[in-house]
Amino acid sequence: MQEDGTRIALIGIIVENYDKVDVLNTTLHDYAQYIIGRMGIPYRERNVNIISIAIDARQDIINALSGKLGRIEGITAKTIYSNV
């Protein structure tokens, strides 16, 4: 953990319910100040979108975002943390 108490993490998101994309984007917008970058891959053959979010924030903020994303119907989110 850095001296300022933040951690770098990657949140992997699978979108299976396109009706919830607006909720997903609004939630990510609420945490925009912590997001380093975002990459989305539409996987049309399987009818899902795969999104990765790189974030630098305190652990409680990362946990809150990941939890909110995971509670959206049709959205799966998992977080991995760096050791730095």
Protein backbone atom coordinates (compact mmCIF):
# COMPACT_ATOMS: atom_id res chain seq x y z
CA MET A 1 0.00 0.00 0.00
CA GLN A 2 1.25 3.46 -0.85
CA GLU A 3 1.97 6.02 1.84
CA ASP A 4 -1.24 7.84 0.94
CA GLY A 5 -3.20 4.66 1.75
CA THR A 6 -4.28 3.87 -1.80
CA ARG A 7 -4.01 0.61 -3.71
CA ILE A 8 -4.00 -0.24 -7.38
CA ALA A 9 -6.62 -2.76 -8.41
CA LEU A 10 -8.24 -4.22 -11.48
CA ILE A 11 -11.97 -4.81 -11.55
CA GLY A 12 -13.10 -7.34 -14.13
CA ILE A 13 -16.71 -6.95 -15.23
CA ILE A 14 -18.87 -9.24 -17.36
CA VAL A 15 -22.06 -7.64 -18.69
CA GLU A 16 -24.78 -10.16 -19.55
CA ASN A 17 -27.80 -7.85 -19.22
CA TYR A 18 -27.55 -4.92 -21.64
CA ASP A 19 -30.58 -3.28 -20.01
CA LYS A 20 -28.36 -2.49 -17.00
CA VAL A 21 -25.55 -0.75 -18.92
CA ASP A 22 -26.87 2.69 -17.94
CA VAL A 23 -26.75 1.73 -14.25
CA LEU A 24 -23.24 0.35 -14.73
CA ASN A 25 -22.01 3.51 -16.47
CA THR A 26 -23.60 5.78 -13.86
CA THR A 27 -21.92 3.81 -11.08
CA LEU A 28 -18.54 4.01 -12.82
CA HIS A 29 -19.05 7.74 -13.39
CA ASP A 30 -19.58 8.20 -9.63
CA TYR A 31 -16.05 6.79 -9.09
CA ALA A 32 -14.42 8.47 -12.11
CA GLN A 33 -11.89 10.36 -10.00
CA TYR A 34 -10.27 7.05 -8.99
CA ILE A 35 -10.36 5.29 -12.37
CA ILE A 36 -7.01 5.15 -14.16
CA GLY A 37 -8.38 3.54 -17.32
CA ARG A 38 -11.13 1.42 -18.79
CA MET A 39 -11.15 -1.13 -21.59
CA GLY A 40 -14.24 -2.78 -23.02
CA ILE A 41 -14.44 -5.74 -25.34
CA PRO A 42 -17.73 -6.71 -26.96
CA TYR A 43 -17.86 -10.48 -27.33
CA ARG A 44 -20.70 -10.72 -29.81
CA GLU A 45 -20.47 -14.49 -30.31
CA ARG A 46 -21.40 -15.00 -26.65
CA ASN A 47 -23.62 -11.88 -26.34
CA VAL A 48 -21.61 -10.38 -23.46
CA ASN A 49 -19.33 -7.41 -22.89
CA ILE A 50 -16.08 -7.75 -20.98
CA ILE A 51 -14.82 -4.63 -19.22
CA SER A 52 -11.69 -4.06 -17.18
CA ILE A 53 -11.30 -1.08 -14.90
CA ALA A 54 -7.92 -0.03 -13.50
CA ILE A 55 -8.37 1.94 -10.29
CA ASP A 56 -6.16 3.65 -7.70
CA ALA A 57 -8.05 4.31 -4.48
CA ARG A 58 -8.32 3.39 -0.82
CA GLN A 59 -9.34 -0.19 -0.19
CA ASP A 60 -12.75 0.78 1.18
CA ILE A 61 -13.54 2.76 -1.97
CA ILE A 62 -12.49 -0.11 -4.23
CA ASN A 63 -14.59 -2.52 -2.17
CA ALA A 64 -17.60 -0.20 -2.31
CA LEU A 65 -17.39 0.14 -6.09
CA SER A 66 -16.90 -3.58 -6.63
CA GLY A 67 -19.81 -4.36 -4.32
CA LYS A 68 -22.14 -1.91 -6.07
CA LEU A 69 -21.22 -3.35 -9.46
CA GLY A 70 -21.77 -6.91 -8.26
CA ARG A 71 -25.26 -6.07 -7.04
CA ILE A 72 -26.43 -4.93 -10.47
CA GLU A 73 -28.59 -7.64 -12.05
CA GLY A 74 -26.83 -9.27 -14.99
CA ILE A 75 -23.42 -7.86 -14.05
CA THR A 76 -20.58 -9.90 -12.54
CA ALA A 77 -17.60 -8.09 -11.01
CA LYS A 78 -14.42 -9.43 -9.42
CA THR A 79 -11.46 -7.46 -8.08
CA ILE A 80 -7.76 -8.23 -7.92
CA TYR A 81 -5.28 -6.08 -6.03
CA SER A 82 -1.65 -5.25 -6.68
CA ASN A 83 0.94 -5.69 -3.95
CA VAL A 84 2.24 -2.14 -4.41
